[in-house]
PDB file of N, CA and C in Angstrom:
ATOM      1  N   MET A   1     -54.275 -19.074  37.299  1.00  0.00           N
ATOM      2  CA  MET A   1     -55.237 -18.539  36.142  1.00  0.00           C
ATOM      3  C   MET A   1     -54.004 -17.421  35.568  1.00  0.00           C
ATOM      4  N   CYS A   2     -53.849 -16.411  37.398  1.00  0.00           N
ATOM      5  CA  CYS A   2     -53.627 -14.789  36.755  1.00  0.00           C
ATOM      6  C   CYS A   2     -52.972 -14.600  37.950  1.00  0.00           C
ATOM      7  N   SER A   3     -51.929 -13.926  38.511  1.00  0.00           N
ATOM      8  CA  SER A   3     -51.155 -13.957  39.046  1.00  0.00           C
ATOM      9  C   SER A   3     -52.537 -12.857  40.473  1.00  0.00           C
ATOM     10  N   ALA A   4     -51.992 -12.103  41.498  1.00  0.00           N
ATOM     11  CA  ALA A   4     -53.052 -11.270  42.261  1.00  0.00           C
ATOM     12  C   ALA A   4     -53.655 -10.638  41.972  1.00  0.00           C
ATOM     13  N   GLU A   5     -52.351  -9.711  41.065  1.00  0.00           N
ATOM     14  CA  GLU A   5     -51.972  -8.571  41.255  1.00  0.00           C
ATOM     15  C   GLU A   5     -53.138  -7.781  40.292  1.00  0.00           C
ATOM     16  N   PRO A   6     -54.592  -7.041  40.510  1.00  0.00           N
ATOM     17  CA  PRO A   6     -55.304  -6.262  39.468  1.00  0.00           C
ATOM     18  C   PRO A   6     -54.917  -6.013  37.951  1.00  0.00           C
ATOM     19  N   ILE A   7     -53.496  -5.455  37.974  1.00  0.00           N
ATOM     20  CA  ILE A   7     -53.560  -5.033  36.398  1.00  0.00           C
ATOM     21  C   ILE A   7     -53.088  -6.469  35.499  1.00  0.00           C
ATOM     22  N   ASN A   8     -51.916  -7.219  36.119  1.00  0.00           N
ATOM     23  CA  ASN A   8     -52.636  -8.933  35.428  1.00  0.00           C
ATOM     24  C   ASN A   8     -54.074  -9.414  35.473  1.00  0.00           C
ATOM     25  N   CYS A   9     -54.985  -9.457  35.941  1.00  0.00           N
ATOM     26  CA  CYS A   9     -55.347  -9.910  36.567  1.00  0.00           C
ATOM     27  C   CYS A   9     -56.715  -9.558  35.885  1.00  0.00           C
ATOM     28  N   PHE A  10     -57.278  -8.314  35.899  1.00  0.00           N
ATOM     29  CA  PHE A  10     -58.871  -7.996  35.488  1.00  0.00           C
ATOM     30  C   PHE A  10     -58.915  -8.409  33.882  1.00  0.00           C
ATOM     31  N   PRO A  11     -57.380  -8.042  33.053  1.00  0.00           N
ATOM     32  CA  PRO A  11     -57.638  -9.028  31.216  1.00  0.00           C
ATOM     33  C   PRO A  11     -57.869 -10.665  31.622  1.00  0.00           C
ATOM     34  N   MET A  12     -57.392 -11.387  32.318  1.00  0.00           N
ATOM     35  CA  MET A  12     -58.301 -12.419  32.098  1.00  0.00           C
ATOM     36  C   MET A  12     -59.327 -12.788  32.581  1.00  0.00           C
ATOM     37  N   LEU A  13     -59.517 -11.598  33.583  1.00  0.00           N
ATOM     38  CA  LEU A  13     -61.712 -11.831  34.344  1.00  0.00           C
ATOM     39  C   LEU A  13     -62.229 -11.141  32.922  1.00  0.00           C
ATOM     40  N   VAL A  14     -61.816 -10.719  32.135  1.00  0.00           N
ATOM     41  CA  VAL A  14     -62.561 -10.074  30.852  1.00  0.00           C
ATOM     42  C   VAL A  14     -62.739 -10.879  30.124  1.00  0.00           C
ATOM     43  N   ASN A  15     -61.676 -11.919  29.853  1.00  0.00           N
ATOM     44  CA  ASN A  15     -62.039 -12.851  29.076  1.00  0.00           C
ATOM     45  C   ASN A  15     -62.984 -14.233  29.509  1.00  0.00           C
ATOM     46  N   ILE A  16     -62.209 -14.383  30.673  1.00  0.00           N
ATOM     47  CA  ILE A  16     -63.516 -15.188  31.526  1.00  0.00           C
ATOM     48  C   ILE A  16     -64.914 -15.148  30.227  1.00  0.00           C
ATOM     49  N   LEU A  17     -65.284 -14.188  30.980  1.00  0.00           N
ATOM     50  CA  LEU A  17     -66.088 -13.837  30.551  1.00  0.00           C
ATOM     51  C   LEU A  17     -67.272 -13.688  29.767  1.00  0.00           C
ATOM     52  N   SER A  18     -66.602 -12.459  28.485  1.00  0.00           N
ATOM     53  CA  SER A  18     -66.599 -12.609  27.435  1.00  0.00           C
ATOM     54  C   SER A  18     -67.030 -14.141  26.955  1.00  0.00           C
ATOM     55  N   ASN A  19     -65.562 -14.895  27.265  1.00  0.00           N
ATOM     56  CA  ASN A  19     -66.146 -16.366  26.617  1.00  0.00           C
ATOM     57  C   ASN A  19     -67.477 -16.985  27.127  1.00  0.00           C
ATOM     58  N   THR A  20     -67.642 -16.825  27.853  1.00  0.00           N
ATOM     59  CA  THR A  20     -68.260 -17.255  28.675  1.00  0.00           C
ATOM     60  C   THR A  20     -69.583 -16.768  28.631  1.00  0.00           C
ATOM     61  N   PHE A  21     -69.648 -16.017  28.069  1.00  0.00           N
ATOM     62  CA  PHE A  21     -71.207 -15.149  27.141  1.00  0.00           C
ATOM     63  C   PHE A  21     -71.696 -15.331  26.093  1.00  0.00           C
ATOM     64  N   LEU A  22     -70.078 -15.907  25.042  1.00  0.00           N
ATOM     65  CA  LEU A  22     -69.834 -16.336  24.012  1.00  0.00           C
ATOM     66  C   LEU A  22     -70.730 -17.908  23.781  1.00  0.00           C
ATOM     67  N   ARG A  23     -70.443 -18.093  24.807  1.00  0.00           N
ATOM     68  CA  ARG A  23     -70.862 -19.443  24.771  1.00  0.00           C
ATOM     69  C   ARG A  23     -71.945 -19.831  25.112  1.00  0.00           C
ATOM     70  N   LEU A  24     -72.815 -19.057  26.368  1.00  0.00           N
ATOM     71  CA  LEU A  24     -73.981 -19.020  26.258  1.00  0.00           C
ATOM     72  C   LEU A  24     -75.439 -18.591  25.002  1.00  0.00           C
ATOM     73  N   PHE A  25     -74.945 -17.888  24.463  1.00  0.00           N
ATOM     74  CA  PHE A  25     -75.097 -17.607  22.785  1.00  0.00           C
ATOM     75  C   PHE A  25     -75.132 -18.321  21.888  1.00  0.00           C
ATOM     76  N   ASN A  26     -74.458 -19.949  22.316  1.00  0.00           N
ATOM     77  CA  ASN A  26     -74.147 -20.323  21.083  1.00  0.00           C
ATOM     78  C   ASN A  26     -73.066 -19.941  20.458  1.00  0.00           C
ATOM     79  N   SER A  27     -72.404 -19.961  19.945  1.00  0.00           N
ATOM     80  CA  SER A  27     -71.069 -19.136  19.646  1.00  0.00           C
ATOM     81  C   SER A  27     -70.422 -19.562  19.166  1.00  0.00           C
ATOM     82  N   THR A  28     -69.262 -20.066  18.290  1.00  0.00           N
ATOM     83  CA  THR A  28     -67.935 -20.571  17.831  1.00  0.00           C
ATOM     84  C   THR A  28     -66.794 -19.794  18.168  1.00  0.00           C
ATOM     85  N   ALA A  29     -67.262 -18.565  17.856  1.00  0.00           N
ATOM     86  CA  ALA A  29     -66.441 -17.591  18.358  1.00  0.00           C
ATOM     87  C   ALA A  29     -65.191 -17.491  19.433  1.00  0.00           C
ATOM     88  N   ARG A  30     -64.166 -16.719  19.782  1.00  0.00           N
ATOM     89  CA  ARG A  30     -63.371 -16.322  21.181  1.00  0.00           C
ATOM     90  C   ARG A  30     -62.814 -15.381  20.403  1.00  0.00           C
ATOM     91  N   ILE A  31     -62.630 -15.026  21.849  1.00  0.00           N
ATOM     92  CA  ILE A  31     -62.846 -13.044  22.270  1.00  0.00           C
ATOM     93  C   ILE A  31     -61.182 -13.823  22.423  1.00  0.00           C
ATOM     94  N   ARG A  32     -59.795 -13.203  22.586  1.00  0.00           N
ATOM     95  CA  ARG A  32     -58.715 -13.190  23.250  1.00  0.00           C
ATOM     96  C   ARG A  32     -58.903 -12.005  24.117  1.00  0.00           C
ATOM     97  N   VAL A  33     -57.738 -11.564  25.366  1.00  0.00           N
ATOM     98  CA  VAL A  33     -57.330 -10.658  25.851  1.00  0.00           C
ATOM     99  C   VAL A  33     -56.117 -10.747  25.884  1.00  0.00           C
ATOM    100  N   TRP A  34     -54.807  -9.882  26.129  1.00  0.00           N
ATOM    101  CA  TRP A  34     -54.094 -10.185  26.511  1.00  0.00           C
ATOM    102  C   TRP A  34     -53.012  -8.564  26.924  1.00  0.00           C
ATOM    103  N   ASN A  35     -52.050  -8.038  28.083  1.00  0.00           N
ATOM    104  CA  ASN A  35     -51.639  -7.415  28.405  1.00  0.00           C
ATOM    105  C   ASN A  35     -50.469  -7.975  28.508  1.00  0.00           C
ATOM    106  N   GLU A  36     -50.404  -6.315  27.965  1.00  0.00           N
ATOM    107  CA  GLU A  36     -48.512  -5.915  28.458  1.00  0.00           C
ATOM    108  C   GLU A  36     -48.480  -4.675  28.994  1.00  0.00           C
ATOM    109  N   PRO A  37     -48.501  -4.943  30.995  1.00  0.00           N
ATOM    110  CA  PRO A  37     -48.516  -3.501  31.097  1.00  0.00           C
ATOM    111  C   PRO A  37     -47.295  -2.579  30.225  1.00  0.00           C
ATOM    112  N   PHE A  38     -46.541  -2.992  30.681  1.00  0.00           N
ATOM    113  CA  PHE A  38     -44.749  -2.512  30.787  1.00  0.00           C
ATOM    114  C   PHE A  38     -44.391  -2.849  28.856  1.00  0.00           C
ATOM    115  N   SER A  39     -44.008  -1.651  27.836  1.00  0.00           N
ATOM    116  CA  SER A  39     -43.409  -1.653  26.598  1.00  0.00           C
ATOM    117  C   SER A  39     -42.458  -1.860  26.814  1.00  0.00           C
ATOM    118  N   ARG A  40     -42.783  -3.325  26.320  1.00  0.00           N
ATOM    119  CA  ARG A  40     -40.260  -3.985  26.515  1.00  0.00           C
ATOM    120  C   ARG A  40     -39.602  -2.816  24.868  1.00  0.00           C
ATOM    121  N   THR A  41     -39.304  -2.518  24.938  1.00  0.00           N
ATOM    122  CA  THR A  41     -38.497  -1.425  24.580  1.00  0.00           C
ATOM    123  C   THR A  41     -36.574  -2.116  24.300  1.00  0.00           C
ATOM    124  N   GLN A  42     -36.495  -2.582  22.763  1.00  0.00           N
ATOM    125  CA  GLN A  42     -35.083  -3.273  22.985  1.00  0.00           C
ATOM    126  C   GLN A  42     -34.063  -2.420  22.699  1.00  0.00           C
ATOM    127  N   ASN A  43     -34.963  -1.566  21.432  1.00  0.00           N
ATOM    128  CA  ASN A  43     -34.563   0.040  21.023  1.00  0.00           C
ATOM    129  C   ASN A  43     -33.183   0.523  21.422  1.00  0.00           C
ATOM    130  N   PRO A  44     -32.058   0.643  21.964  1.00  0.00           N
ATOM    131  CA  PRO A  44     -31.200   1.463  22.921  1.00  0.00           C
ATOM    132  C   PRO A  44     -31.945   2.848  22.906  1.00  0.00           C
ATOM    133  N   ASP A  45     -31.910   3.524  21.337  1.00  0.00           N
ATOM    134  CA  ASP A  45     -32.204   4.792  21.179  1.00  0.00           C
ATOM    135  C   ASP A  45     -33.754   5.180  22.191  1.00  0.00           C
ATOM    136  N   LEU A  46     -34.734   4.368  21.976  1.00  0.00           N
ATOM    137  CA  LEU A  46     -35.576   4.339  22.951  1.00  0.00           C
ATOM    138  C   LEU A  46     -35.812   4.524  24.619  1.00  0.00           C
ATOM    139  N   LYS A  47     -35.076   3.885  25.175  1.00  0.00           N
ATOM    140  CA  LYS A  47     -34.288   3.346  26.497  1.00  0.00           C
ATOM    141  C   LYS A  47     -33.267   4.720  26.239  1.00  0.00           C
ATOM    142  N   ARG A  48     -32.670   5.074  25.638  1.00  0.00           N
ATOM    143  CA  ARG A  48     -31.780   6.562  25.407  1.00  0.00           C
ATOM    144  C   ARG A  48     -32.917   7.380  25.688  1.00  0.00           C
ATOM    145  N   ASP A  49     -33.447   7.792  25.331  1.00  0.00           N
ATOM    146  CA  ASP A  49     -34.539   8.884  25.288  1.00  0.00           C
ATOM    147  C   ASP A  49     -35.399   8.997  26.431  1.00  0.00           C
ATOM    148  N   ASP A  50     -35.866   7.903  26.555  1.00  0.00           N
ATOM    149  CA  ASP A  50     -36.640   7.380  27.965  1.00  0.00           C
ATOM    150  C   ASP A  50     -35.799   8.217  29.320  1.00  0.00           C
ATOM    151  N   PHE A  51     -34.970   7.946  29.169  1.00  0.00           N
ATOM    152  CA  PHE A  51     -33.892   8.177  30.166  1.00  0.00           C
ATOM    153  C   PHE A  51     -33.948   9.580  30.429  1.00  0.00           C
ATOM    154  N   LEU A  52     -33.285   9.922  28.913  1.00  0.00           N
ATOM    155  CA  LEU A  52     -33.572  11.422  28.492  1.00  0.00           C
ATOM    156  C   LEU A  52     -34.664  12.632  29.312  1.00  0.00           C
ATOM    157  N   ILE A  53     -35.564  11.648  28.840  1.00  0.00           N
ATOM    158  CA  ILE A  53     -37.336  12.659  29.041  1.00  0.00           C
ATOM    159  C   ILE A  53     -37.006  13.065  30.240  1.00  0.00           C
ATOM    160  N   CYS A  54     -36.747  11.782  31.311  1.00  0.00           N
ATOM    161  CA  CYS A  54     -36.991  11.894  32.211  1.00  0.00           C
ATOM    162  C   CYS A  54     -36.046  12.356  33.512  1.00  0.00           C
ATOM    163  N   LEU A  55     -34.686  12.121  32.504  1.00  0.00           N
ATOM    164  CA  LEU A  55     -33.688  12.788  33.129  1.00  0.00           C
ATOM    165  C   LEU A  55     -33.854  14.675  33.544  1.00  0.00           C
ATOM    166  N   SER A  56     -34.494  14.917  32.165  1.00  0.00           N
ATOM    167  CA  SER A  56     -34.907  16.782  32.260  1.00  0.00           C
ATOM    168  C   SER A  56     -35.677  17.047  32.609  1.00  0.00           C
ATOM    169  N   TYR A  57     -37.141  15.813  33.105  1.00  0.00           N
ATOM    170  CA  TYR A  57     -38.133  15.645  34.423  1.00  0.00           C
ATOM    171  C   TYR A  57     -37.618  16.600  35.495  1.00  0.00           C
ATOM    172  N   MET A  58     -36.800  15.703  36.272  1.00  0.00           N
ATOM    173  CA  MET A  58     -36.369  15.790  37.379  1.00  0.00           C
ATOM    174  C   MET A  58     -35.057  16.706  37.468  1.00  0.00           C
ATOM    175  N   LEU A  59     -34.708  17.133  36.419  1.00  0.00           N
ATOM    176  CA  LEU A  59     -33.423  18.560  36.735  1.00  0.00           C
ATOM    177  C   LEU A  59     -34.866  19.165  36.523  1.00  0.00           C
ATOM    178  N   ILE A  60     -35.648  19.241  35.904  1.00  0.00           N
ATOM    179  CA  ILE A  60     -37.459  21.313  35.710  1.00  0.00           C
ATOM    180  C   ILE A  60     -37.065  20.801  37.324  1.00  0.00           C
ATOM    181  N   LEU A  61     -37.652  19.859  38.040  1.00  0.00           N
ATOM    182  CA  LEU A  61     -38.374  19.540  39.451  1.00  0.00           C
ATOM    183  C   LEU A  61     -37.541  19.868  39.846  1.00  0.00           C
ATOM    184  N   ALA A  62     -36.508  19.439  40.176  1.00  0.00           N
ATOM    185  CA  ALA A  62     -35.338  19.776  41.021  1.00  0.00           C
ATOM    186  C   ALA A  62     -34.873  21.212  41.215  1.00  0.00           C
ATOM    187  N   ALA A  63     -34.975  21.513  40.348  1.00  0.00           N
ATOM    188  CA  ALA A  63     -34.624  22.999  40.007  1.00  0.00           C
ATOM    189  C   ALA A  63     -35.634  24.294  40.218  1.00  0.00           C
ATOM    190  N   GLY A  64     -37.602  23.607  39.994  1.00  0.00           N
ATOM    191  CA  GLY A  64     -38.146  24.536  40.671  1.00  0.00           C
ATOM    192  C   GLY A  64     -39.215  24.119  42.275  1.00  0.00           C
ATOM    193  N   LEU A  65     -38.034  23.383  42.952  1.00  0.00           N
ATOM    194  CA  LEU A  65     -39.102  23.303  43.857  1.00  0.00           C
ATOM    195  C   LEU A  65     -38.085  23.766  45.195  1.00  0.00           C
ATOM    196  N   PRO A  66     -37.412  24.098  45.575  1.00  0.00           N
ATOM    197  CA  PRO A  66     -36.588  24.688  46.670  1.00  0.00           C
ATOM    198  C   PRO A  66     -36.923  25.603  46.613  1.00  0.00           C
ATOM    199  N   PRO A  67     -37.460  27.061  45.308  1.00  0.00           N
ATOM    200  CA  PRO A  67     -37.753  28.029  45.532  1.00  0.00           C
ATOM    201  C   PRO A  67     -38.822  28.597  46.362  1.00  0.00           C
ATOM    202  N   TYR A  68     -39.539  27.278  45.963  1.00  0.00           N
ATOM    203  CA  TYR A  68     -41.286  27.720  46.589  1.00  0.00           C
ATOM    204  C   TYR A  68     -40.951  27.863  47.993  1.00  0.00           C
ATOM    205  N   PHE A  69     -40.393  26.797  48.284  1.00  0.00           N
ATOM    206  CA  PHE A  69     -40.283  25.851  50.153  1.00  0.00           C
ATOM    207  C   PHE A  69     -39.445  27.284  50.145  1.00  0.00           C
ATOM    208  N   ALA A  70     -38.854  28.053  49.920  1.00  0.00           N
ATOM    209  CA  ALA A  70     -38.082  29.332  50.382  1.00  0.00           C
ATOM    210  C   ALA A  70     -38.818  29.842  50.904  1.00  0.00           C
ATOM    211  N   VAL A  71     -39.993  30.818  49.512  1.00  0.00           N
ATOM    212  CA  VAL A  71     -40.748  32.067  49.069  1.00  0.00           C
ATOM    213  C   VAL A  71     -42.115  31.592  50.611  1.00  0.00           C
ATOM    214  N   SER A  72     -41.618  30.259  51.017  1.00  0.00           N
ATOM    215  CA  SER A  72     -43.153  29.902  51.738  1.00  0.00           C
ATOM    216  C   SER A  72     -42.896  30.109  53.634  1.00  0.00           C
ATOM    217  N   SER A  73     -41.112  30.245  53.452  1.00  0.00           N
ATOM    218  CA  SER A  73     -40.927  30.169  54.470  1.00  0.00           C
ATOM    219  C   SER A  73     -40.709  31.954  54.771  1.00  0.00           C
ATOM    220  N   MET A  74     -40.531  32.393  54.002  1.00  0.00           N
ATOM    221  CA  MET A  74     -40.307  33.116  54.127  1.00  0.00           C
ATOM    222  C   MET A  74     -41.623  34.290  54.595  1.00  0.00           C
ATOM    223  N   GLU A  75     -43.058  33.911  53.856  1.00  0.00           N
ATOM    224  CA  GLU A  75     -44.171  34.714  54.143  1.00  0.00           C
ATOM    225  C   GLU A  75     -44.303  34.251  55.779  1.00  0.00           C
ATOM    226  N   ASP A  76     -44.166  32.679  55.611  1.00  0.00           N
ATOM    227  CA  ASP A  76     -44.054  32.534  57.063  1.00  0.00           C
ATOM    228  C   ASP A  76     -43.800  33.548  57.981  1.00  0.00           C
ATOM    229  N   TYR A  77     -42.671  33.680  57.922  1.00  0.00           N
ATOM    230  CA  TYR A  77     -41.655  34.851  58.408  1.00  0.00           C
ATOM    231  C   TYR A  77     -42.308  36.404  58.630  1.00  0.00           C
ATOM    232  N   LYS A  78     -42.693  36.540  57.689  1.00  0.00           N
ATOM    233  CA  LYS A  78     -43.288  38.417  57.067  1.00  0.00           C
ATOM    234  C   LYS A  78     -44.231  38.326  58.546  1.00  0.00           C
ATOM    235  N   VAL A  79     -45.227  37.287  58.477  1.00  0.00           N
ATOM    236  CA  VAL A  79     -45.903  36.908  59.357  1.00  0.00           C
ATOM    237  C   VAL A  79     -46.088  36.700  60.690  1.00  0.00           C
ATOM    238  N   LYS A  80     -44.889  36.524  61.539  1.00  0.00           N
ATOM    239  CA  LYS A  80     -44.672  35.568  61.969  1.00  0.00           C
ATOM    240  C   LYS A  80     -45.316  33.851  63.154  1.00  0.00           C
ATOM    241  N   SER A  81     -45.386  34.187  62.033  1.00  0.00           N
ATOM    242  CA  SER A  81     -46.636  31.871  62.218  1.00  0.00           C
ATOM    243  C   SER A  81     -45.500  32.122  63.405  1.00  0.00           C
ATOM    244  N   MET A  82     -46.469  30.420  63.737  1.00  0.00           N
ATOM    245  CA  MET A  82     -45.424  29.651  65.041  1.00  0.00           C
ATOM    246  C   MET A  82     -44.681  30.824  66.044  1.00  0.00           C
TER     247      MET A  82
END
């Protein structure tokens, strides 16, 4: 019915339960549920934009973390910990 991953199985479970309740109330309507956890971008510009956003975020993160660790070590040195 669905793969063992919860992200894929939950929509199927909702679909089965919803349609079961509809049948219990003698309804002819049906509910369809689908799941697409990852967007499928075919446009190369969107892929490039996603890449540039991720790259800029990683560069900011890489530039900001080393000073944090250096300040932490200097504070440890000042209070003579360890």
